[in-house]
């Protein structure tokens, strides 16, 4: 059985993409948390 580049790419997407989404979400959450902590007395415009 020969493994093709397409199969390797598919495996990489399936295995690495969820980790990338989790890492990105964590970085965004930390950014927003720090931003909120830096300016707690600033009113939010809605």
C-alpha atoms as a PDB file:
ATOM      1  CA  UNK A   1       0.000   0.000   0.000  1.00  0.00           C
ATOM      2  CA  UNK A   2       1.447   3.315  -1.078  1.00  0.00           C
ATOM      3  CA  UNK A   3       0.825   6.449   0.987  1.00  0.00           C
ATOM      4  CA  UNK A   4       0.204   9.488  -1.192  1.00  0.00           C
ATOM      5  CA  UNK A   5       0.804  13.168  -0.458  1.00  0.00           C
ATOM      6  CA  UNK A   6      -2.957  13.656  -0.397  1.00  0.00           C
ATOM      7  CA  UNK A   7      -3.337  11.088   2.383  1.00  0.00           C
ATOM      8  CA  UNK A   8      -0.510  12.712   4.341  1.00  0.00           C
ATOM      9  CA  UNK A   9      -2.143  16.132   3.920  1.00  0.00           C
ATOM     10  CA  UNK A  10      -5.525  14.821   5.019  1.00  0.00           C
ATOM     11  CA  UNK A  11      -3.993  13.163   8.077  1.00  0.00           C
ATOM     12  CA  UNK A  12      -2.179  16.407   8.951  1.00  0.00           C
ATOM     13  CA  UNK A  13      -5.400  18.422   8.706  1.00  0.00           C
ATOM     14  CA  UNK A  14      -7.362  15.931  10.805  1.00  0.00           C
ATOM     15  CA  UNK A  15      -4.673  15.654  13.479  1.00  0.00           C
ATOM     16  CA  UNK A  16      -3.228  19.183  13.602  1.00  0.00           C
ATOM     17  CA  UNK A  17      -6.162  21.486  12.807  1.00  0.00           C
ATOM     18  CA  UNK A  18      -8.057  20.892  16.090  1.00  0.00           C
ATOM     19  CA  UNK A  19      -4.897  21.701  18.039  1.00  0.00           C
ATOM     20  CA  UNK A  20      -4.452  24.854  15.993  1.00  0.00           C
ATOM     21  CA  UNK A  21      -8.021  25.929  16.693  1.00  0.00           C
ATOM     22  CA  UNK A  22      -7.537  25.307  20.409  1.00  0.00           C
ATOM     23  CA  UNK A  23      -4.248  27.220  20.434  1.00  0.00           C
ATOM     24  CA  UNK A  24      -5.804  30.129  18.554  1.00  0.00           C
ATOM     25  CA  UNK A  25      -8.820  30.237  20.849  1.00  0.00           C
ATOM     26  CA  UNK A  26      -6.561  30.199  23.899  1.00  0.00           C
ATOM     27  CA  UNK A  27      -4.431  33.044  22.553  1.00  0.00           C
ATOM     28  CA  UNK A  28      -7.509  35.137  21.736  1.00  0.00           C
ATOM     29  CA  UNK A  29      -9.022  34.471  25.178  1.00  0.00           C
ATOM     30  CA  UNK A  30      -5.784  35.510  26.895  1.00  0.00           C
ATOM     31  CA  UNK A  31      -5.604  38.659  24.780  1.00  0.00           C
ATOM     32  CA  UNK A  32      -9.161  39.671  25.692  1.00  0.00           C
ATOM     33  CA  UNK A  33      -8.593  38.854  29.373  1.00  0.00           C
ATOM     34  CA  UNK A  34      -5.473  41.036  29.482  1.00  0.00           C
ATOM     35  CA  UNK A  35      -7.244  43.807  27.593  1.00  0.00           C
ATOM     36  CA  UNK A  36     -10.159  43.788  30.033  1.00  0.00           C
ATOM     37  CA  UNK A  37      -7.812  43.759  33.032  1.00  0.00           C
ATOM     38  CA  UNK A  38      -5.774  46.671  31.643  1.00  0.00           C
ATOM     39  CA  UNK A  39      -8.756  49.050  31.376  1.00  0.00           C
ATOM     40  CA  UNK A  40     -11.488  48.001  33.827  1.00  0.00           C
ATOM     41  CA  UNK A  41     -12.874  51.522  34.342  1.00  0.00           C
ATOM     42  CA  UNK A  42     -13.369  52.293  30.637  1.00  0.00           C
ATOM     43  CA  UNK A  43     -17.061  52.129  29.646  1.00  0.00           C
ATOM     44  CA  UNK A  44     -17.906  49.879  26.714  1.00  0.00           C
ATOM     45  CA  UNK A  45     -19.626  51.504  23.727  1.00  0.00           C
ATOM     46  CA  UNK A  46     -22.523  49.482  22.398  1.00  0.00           C
END
